């Protein structure tokens, strides 16, 4: 499941995820979940942990492939 799906299923806002991740700006989360910016490996792991394992490295790889199209 990608980050946007997770966030919407759990009725979380960009601000909610940003707070979980320790970001001061929800726009960072938006750029990550839309594929505008690729999070680094450490940040991907932090998203995995923050989502209870629901958003995985494979999800980021799929998002990256969709964003390139």
PDB file of N, CA and C in Angstrom:
ATOM      1  N   UNK A   1       0.855  -1.161   0.000  1.00  0.00           N
ATOM      2  CA  UNK A   1       0.000   0.000   0.000  1.00  0.00           C
ATOM      3  C   UNK A   1       0.907   1.231   0.000  1.00  0.00           C
ATOM      4  N   UNK A   2       0.572   2.197  -0.839  1.00  0.00           N
ATOM      5  CA  UNK A   2       1.427   3.381  -0.831  1.00  0.00           C
ATOM      6  C   UNK A   2       1.009   4.335   0.298  1.00  0.00           C
ATOM      7  N   UNK A   3       1.812   5.342   0.518  1.00  0.00           N
ATOM      8  CA  UNK A   3       1.595   6.241   1.651  1.00  0.00           C
ATOM      9  C   UNK A   3       0.257   6.957   1.555  1.00  0.00           C
ATOM     10  N   UNK A   4      -0.114   7.411   0.378  1.00  0.00           N
ATOM     11  CA  UNK A   4      -1.399   8.121   0.226  1.00  0.00           C
ATOM     12  C   UNK A   4      -2.555   7.191   0.581  1.00  0.00           C
ATOM     13  N   UNK A   5      -2.521   5.943   0.098  1.00  0.00           N
ATOM     14  CA  UNK A   5      -3.577   4.984   0.432  1.00  0.00           C
ATOM     15  C   UNK A   5      -3.651   4.776   1.941  1.00  0.00           C
ATOM     16  N   UNK A   6      -2.490   4.580   2.553  1.00  0.00           N
ATOM     17  CA  UNK A   6      -2.447   4.375   4.002  1.00  0.00           C
ATOM     18  C   UNK A   6      -3.043   5.572   4.729  1.00  0.00           C
ATOM     19  N   UNK A   7      -2.624   6.751   4.328  1.00  0.00           N
ATOM     20  CA  UNK A   7      -3.076   7.970   5.000  1.00  0.00           C
ATOM     21  C   UNK A   7      -4.590   8.129   4.866  1.00  0.00           C
ATOM     22  N   UNK A   8      -5.110   7.903   3.684  1.00  0.00           N
ATOM     23  CA  UNK A   8      -6.555   8.062   3.463  1.00  0.00           C
ATOM     24  C   UNK A   8      -7.359   6.982   4.177  1.00  0.00           C
ATOM     25  N   UNK A   9      -6.878   5.742   4.135  1.00  0.00           N
ATOM     26  CA  UNK A   9      -7.586   4.649   4.825  1.00  0.00           C
ATOM     27  C   UNK A   9      -7.687   4.906   6.320  1.00  0.00           C
ATOM     28  N   UNK A  10      -6.657   5.528   6.863  1.00  0.00           N
ATOM     29  CA  UNK A  10      -6.618   5.774   8.299  1.00  0.00           C
ATOM     30  C   UNK A  10      -7.059   7.185   8.674  1.00  0.00           C
ATOM     31  N   UNK A  11      -7.586   7.893   7.673  1.00  0.00           N
ATOM     32  CA  UNK A  11      -8.118   9.251   7.878  1.00  0.00           C
ATOM     33  C   UNK A  11      -7.102  10.173   8.545  1.00  0.00           C
ATOM     34  N   UNK A  12      -5.896  10.117   8.016  1.00  0.00           N
ATOM     35  CA  UNK A  12      -4.816  10.957   8.519  1.00  0.00           C
ATOM     36  C   UNK A  12      -4.558  12.079   7.517  1.00  0.00           C
ATOM     37  N   UNK A  13      -4.203  13.220   8.025  1.00  0.00           N
ATOM     38  CA  UNK A  13      -3.857  14.340   7.162  1.00  0.00           C
ATOM     39  C   UNK A  13      -2.362  14.315   6.875  1.00  0.00           C
ATOM     40  N   UNK A  14      -1.965  15.139   5.926  1.00  0.00           N
ATOM     41  CA  UNK A  14      -0.535  15.294   5.671  1.00  0.00           C
ATOM     42  C   UNK A  14       0.165  15.767   6.937  1.00  0.00           C
ATOM     43  N   UNK A  15      -0.484  16.656   7.673  1.00  0.00           N
ATOM     44  CA  UNK A  15       0.087  17.160   8.931  1.00  0.00           C
ATOM     45  C   UNK A  15       0.249  16.052   9.957  1.00  0.00           C
ATOM     46  N   UNK A  16      -0.717  15.135  10.014  1.00  0.00           N
ATOM     47  CA  UNK A  16      -0.623  14.008  10.953  1.00  0.00           C
ATOM     48  C   UNK A  16       0.611  13.154  10.648  1.00  0.00           C
ATOM     49  N   UNK A  17       0.803  12.838   9.373  1.00  0.00           N
ATOM     50  CA  UNK A  17       1.958  12.026   8.986  1.00  0.00           C
ATOM     51  C   UNK A  17       3.246  12.797   9.238  1.00  0.00           C
ATOM     52  N   UNK A  18       3.242  14.084   8.908  1.00  0.00           N
ATOM     53  CA  UNK A  18       4.441  14.903   9.135  1.00  0.00           C
ATOM     54  C   UNK A  18       4.813  14.885  10.611  1.00  0.00           C
ATOM     55  N   UNK A  19       3.825  14.979  11.470  1.00  0.00           N
ATOM     56  CA  UNK A  19       4.087  14.960  12.908  1.00  0.00           C
ATOM     57  C   UNK A  19       4.674  13.614  13.336  1.00  0.00           C
ATOM     58  N   UNK A  20       4.107  12.527  12.820  1.00  0.00           N
ATOM     59  CA  UNK A  20       4.639  11.190  13.134  1.00  0.00           C
ATOM     60  C   UNK A  20       6.089  11.051  12.680  1.00  0.00           C
ATOM     61  N   UNK A  21       6.406  11.684  11.564  1.00  0.00           N
ATOM     62  CA  UNK A  21       7.730  11.573  10.971  1.00  0.00           C
ATOM     63  C   UNK A  21       8.722  12.588  11.528  1.00  0.00           C
ATOM     64  N   UNK A  22       8.230  13.579  12.244  1.00  0.00           N
ATOM     65  CA  UNK A  22       9.112  14.603  12.776  1.00  0.00           C
ATOM     66  C   UNK A  22       9.432  15.698  11.781  1.00  0.00           C
ATOM     67  N   UNK A  23       8.641  15.776  10.679  1.00  0.00           N
ATOM     68  CA  UNK A  23       8.809  16.856   9.705  1.00  0.00           C
ATOM     69  C   UNK A  23       8.098  18.089  10.230  1.00  0.00           C
ATOM     70  N   UNK A  24       8.639  19.245   9.948  1.00  0.00           N
ATOM     71  CA  UNK A  24       7.957  20.473  10.348  1.00  0.00           C
ATOM     72  C   UNK A  24       7.032  20.982   9.246  1.00  0.00           C
ATOM     73  N   UNK A  25       7.052  20.329   8.089  1.00  0.00           N
ATOM     74  CA  UNK A  25       6.287  20.814   6.956  1.00  0.00           C
ATOM     75  C   UNK A  25       5.551  19.657   6.274  1.00  0.00           C
ATOM     76  N   UNK A  26       4.211  19.671   6.296  1.00  0.00           N
ATOM     77  CA  UNK A  26       3.467  18.600   5.636  1.00  0.00           C
ATOM     78  C   UNK A  26       3.711  18.539   4.132  1.00  0.00           C
ATOM     79  N   UNK A  27       4.216  19.620   3.543  1.00  0.00           N
ATOM     80  CA  UNK A  27       4.514  19.617   2.103  1.00  0.00           C
ATOM     81  C   UNK A  27       5.581  18.568   1.775  1.00  0.00           C
ATOM     82  N   UNK A  28       6.459  18.293   2.718  1.00  0.00           N
ATOM     83  CA  UNK A  28       7.476  17.250   2.511  1.00  0.00           C
ATOM     84  C   UNK A  28       6.802  15.900   2.312  1.00  0.00           C
ATOM     85  N   UNK A  29       5.816  15.606   3.140  1.00  0.00           N
ATOM     86  CA  UNK A  29       5.070  14.346   3.024  1.00  0.00           C
ATOM     87  C   UNK A  29       4.352  14.315   1.676  1.00  0.00           C
ATOM     88  N   UNK A  30       3.750  15.414   1.292  1.00  0.00           N
ATOM     89  CA  UNK A  30       3.046  15.491   0.011  1.00  0.00           C
ATOM     90  C   UNK A  30       4.008  15.199  -1.149  1.00  0.00           C
ATOM     91  N   UNK A  31       5.173  15.798  -1.125  1.00  0.00           N
ATOM     92  CA  UNK A  31       6.154  15.569  -2.198  1.00  0.00           C
ATOM     93  C   UNK A  31       6.592  14.117  -2.233  1.00  0.00           C
ATOM     94  N   UNK A  32       6.717  13.489  -1.075  1.00  0.00           N
ATOM     95  CA  UNK A  32       7.086  12.074  -1.029  1.00  0.00           C
ATOM     96  C   UNK A  32       5.958  11.205  -1.565  1.00  0.00           C
ATOM     97  N   UNK A  33       4.730  11.423  -1.094  1.00  0.00           N
ATOM     98  CA  UNK A  33       3.647  10.522  -1.469  1.00  0.00           C
ATOM     99  C   UNK A  33       3.219  10.685  -2.923  1.00  0.00           C
ATOM    100  N   UNK A  34       3.517  11.798  -3.543  1.00  0.00           N
ATOM    101  CA  UNK A  34       3.177  11.986  -4.956  1.00  0.00           C
ATOM    102  C   UNK A  34       4.323  11.625  -5.888  1.00  0.00           C
ATOM    103  N   UNK A  35       5.494  11.361  -5.339  1.00  0.00           N
ATOM    104  CA  UNK A  35       6.641  10.994  -6.153  1.00  0.00           C
ATOM    105  C   UNK A  35       7.428  12.180  -6.679  1.00  0.00           C
ATOM    106  N   UNK A  36       7.081  13.385  -6.227  1.00  0.00           N
ATOM    107  CA  UNK A  36       7.845  14.557  -6.648  1.00  0.00           C
ATOM    108  C   UNK A  36       9.262  14.526  -6.097  1.00  0.00           C
ATOM    109  N   UNK A  37       9.408  13.957  -4.915  1.00  0.00           N
ATOM    110  CA  UNK A  37      10.730  13.756  -4.309  1.00  0.00           C
ATOM    111  C   UNK A  37      10.771  12.354  -3.745  1.00  0.00           C
ATOM    112  N   UNK A  38      11.907  11.733  -3.916  1.00  0.00           N
ATOM    113  CA  UNK A  38      12.083  10.382  -3.380  1.00  0.00           C
ATOM    114  C   UNK A  38      12.734  10.493  -2.002  1.00  0.00           C
ATOM    115  N   UNK A  39      12.097   9.910  -0.982  1.00  0.00           N
ATOM    116  CA  UNK A  39      12.730   9.931   0.333  1.00  0.00           C
ATOM    117  C   UNK A  39      13.977   9.042   0.338  1.00  0.00           C
ATOM    118  N   UNK A  40      14.928   9.400   1.185  1.00  0.00           N
ATOM    119  CA  UNK A  40      16.122   8.556   1.289  1.00  0.00           C
ATOM    120  C   UNK A  40      15.768   7.274   2.036  1.00  0.00           C
ATOM    121  N   UNK A  41      16.693   6.337   2.058  1.00  0.00           N
ATOM    122  CA  UNK A  41      16.446   5.012   2.647  1.00  0.00           C
ATOM    123  C   UNK A  41      16.055   5.099   4.125  1.00  0.00           C
ATOM    124  N   UNK A  42      16.705   5.979   4.863  1.00  0.00           N
ATOM    125  CA  UNK A  42      16.382   6.136   6.282  1.00  0.00           C
ATOM    126  C   UNK A  42      14.949   6.644   6.450  1.00  0.00           C
ATOM    127  N   UNK A  43      14.562   7.594   5.625  1.00  0.00           N
ATOM    128  CA  UNK A  43      13.200   8.138   5.706  1.00  0.00           C
ATOM    129  C   UNK A  43      12.176   7.096   5.290  1.00  0.00           C
ATOM    130  N   UNK A  44      12.489   6.305   4.269  1.00  0.00           N
ATOM    131  CA  UNK A  44      11.578   5.221   3.874  1.00  0.00           C
ATOM    132  C   UNK A  44      11.363   4.265   5.041  1.00  0.00           C
ATOM    133  N   UNK A  45      12.425   3.957   5.750  1.00  0.00           N
ATOM    134  CA  UNK A  45      12.310   3.058   6.899  1.00  0.00           C
ATOM    135  C   UNK A  45      11.481   3.708   8.013  1.00  0.00           C
ATOM    136  N   UNK A  46      11.627   4.993   8.189  1.00  0.00           N
ATOM    137  CA  UNK A  46      10.829   5.693   9.200  1.00  0.00           C
ATOM    138  C   UNK A  46       9.348   5.680   8.822  1.00  0.00           C
ATOM    139  N   UNK A  47       9.038   5.837   7.529  1.00  0.00           N
ATOM    140  CA  UNK A  47       7.640   5.720   7.079  1.00  0.00           C
ATOM    141  C   UNK A  47       7.124   4.306   7.353  1.00  0.00           C
ATOM    142  N   UNK A  48       7.962   3.305   7.084  1.00  0.00           N
ATOM    143  CA  UNK A  48       7.552   1.912   7.335  1.00  0.00           C
ATOM    144  C   UNK A  48       7.190   1.720   8.792  1.00  0.00           C
ATOM    145  N   UNK A  49       8.047   2.203   9.673  1.00  0.00           N
ATOM    146  CA  UNK A  49       7.794   2.054  11.105  1.00  0.00           C
ATOM    147  C   UNK A  49       6.577   2.857  11.545  1.00  0.00           C
ATOM    148  N   UNK A  50       6.439   4.075  11.027  1.00  0.00           N
ATOM    149  CA  UNK A  50       5.317   4.940  11.415  1.00  0.00           C
ATOM    150  C   UNK A  50       3.975   4.377  10.949  1.00  0.00           C
ATOM    151  N   UNK A  51       4.003   3.568   9.879  1.00  0.00           N
ATOM    152  CA  UNK A  51       2.758   2.998   9.357  1.00  0.00           C
ATOM    153  C   UNK A  51       2.566   1.548   9.799  1.00  0.00           C
ATOM    154  N   UNK A  52       3.342   1.109  10.755  1.00  0.00           N
ATOM    155  CA  UNK A  52       3.212  -0.259  11.246  1.00  0.00           C
ATOM    156  C   UNK A  52       3.562  -1.293  10.192  1.00  0.00           C
ATOM    157  N   UNK A  53       4.444  -0.932   9.272  1.00  0.00           N
ATOM    158  CA  UNK A  53       4.870  -1.861   8.230  1.00  0.00           C
ATOM    159  C   UNK A  53       3.970  -1.886   7.009  1.00  0.00           C
ATOM    160  N   UNK A  54       2.966  -1.017   6.966  1.00  0.00           N
ATOM    161  CA  UNK A  54       2.040  -1.009   5.835  1.00  0.00           C
ATOM    162  C   UNK A  54       2.620  -0.370   4.581  1.00  0.00           C
ATOM    163  N   UNK A  55       3.547   0.556   4.728  1.00  0.00           N
ATOM    164  CA  UNK A  55       4.199   1.195   3.586  1.00  0.00           C
ATOM    165  C   UNK A  55       5.636   0.695   3.559  1.00  0.00           C
ATOM    166  N   UNK A  56       5.963  -0.065   2.522  1.00  0.00           N
ATOM    167  CA  UNK A  56       7.253  -0.746   2.452  1.00  0.00           C
ATOM    168  C   UNK A  56       8.155  -0.158   1.367  1.00  0.00           C
ATOM    169  N   UNK A  57       9.377  -0.623   1.333  1.00  0.00           N
ATOM    170  CA  UNK A  57      10.322  -0.209   0.292  1.00  0.00           C
ATOM    171  C   UNK A  57       9.752  -0.505  -1.091  1.00  0.00           C
ATOM    172  N   UNK A  58       9.117  -1.646  -1.252  1.00  0.00           N
ATOM    173  CA  UNK A  58       8.534  -2.014  -2.541  1.00  0.00           C
ATOM    174  C   UNK A  58       7.486  -1.000  -2.982  1.00  0.00           C
ATOM    175  N   UNK A  59       6.742  -0.447  -2.032  1.00  0.00           N
ATOM    176  CA  UNK A  59       5.748   0.574  -2.368  1.00  0.00           C
ATOM    177  C   UNK A  59       6.420   1.825  -2.924  1.00  0.00           C
ATOM    178  N   UNK A  60       7.560   2.193  -2.363  1.00  0.00           N
ATOM    179  CA  UNK A  60       8.290   3.366  -2.856  1.00  0.00           C
ATOM    180  C   UNK A  60       8.847   3.097  -4.249  1.00  0.00           C
ATOM    181  N   UNK A  61       9.293   1.871  -4.499  1.00  0.00           N
ATOM    182  CA  UNK A  61       9.814   1.518  -5.819  1.00  0.00           C
ATOM    183  C   UNK A  61       8.696   1.637  -6.855  1.00  0.00           C
ATOM    184  N   UNK A  62       7.513   1.095  -6.539  1.00  0.00           N
ATOM    185  CA  UNK A  62       6.366   1.193  -7.458  1.00  0.00           C
ATOM    186  C   UNK A  62       6.002   2.652  -7.712  1.00  0.00           C
ATOM    187  N   UNK A  63       5.992   3.466  -6.661  1.00  0.00           N
ATOM    188  CA  UNK A  63       5.670   4.884  -6.819  1.00  0.00           C
ATOM    189  C   UNK A  63       6.685   5.557  -7.732  1.00  0.00           C
ATOM    190  N   UNK A  64       7.946   5.234  -7.563  1.00  0.00           N
ATOM    191  CA  UNK A  64       8.986   5.812  -8.408  1.00  0.00           C
ATOM    192  C   UNK A  64       8.785   5.453  -9.873  1.00  0.00           C
ATOM    193  N   UNK A  65       8.373   4.249 -10.141  1.00  0.00           N
ATOM    194  CA  UNK A  65       8.126   3.818 -11.528  1.00  0.00           C
ATOM    195  C   UNK A  65       6.935   4.553 -12.113  1.00  0.00           C
ATOM    196  N   UNK A  66       5.874   4.746 -11.321  1.00  0.00           N
ATOM    197  CA  UNK A  66       4.692   5.476 -11.800  1.00  0.00           C
ATOM    198  C   UNK A  66       5.034   6.945 -12.035  1.00  0.00           C
ATOM    199  N   UNK A  67       5.846   7.522 -11.181  1.00  0.00           N
ATOM    200  CA  UNK A  67       6.177   8.940 -11.282  1.00  0.00           C
ATOM    201  C   UNK A  67       6.994   9.236 -12.540  1.00  0.00           C
ATOM    202  N   UNK A  68       7.754   8.255 -13.022  1.00  0.00           N
ATOM    203  CA  UNK A  68       8.593   8.453 -14.210  1.00  0.00           C
ATOM    204  C   UNK A  68       7.780   8.445 -15.502  1.00  0.00           C
ATOM    205  N   UNK A  69       6.591   7.880 -15.456  1.00  0.00           N
ATOM    206  CA  UNK A  69       5.760   7.770 -16.670  1.00  0.00           C
ATOM    207  C   UNK A  69       5.143   9.085 -17.039  1.00  0.00           C
TER     208      UNK A  69
END
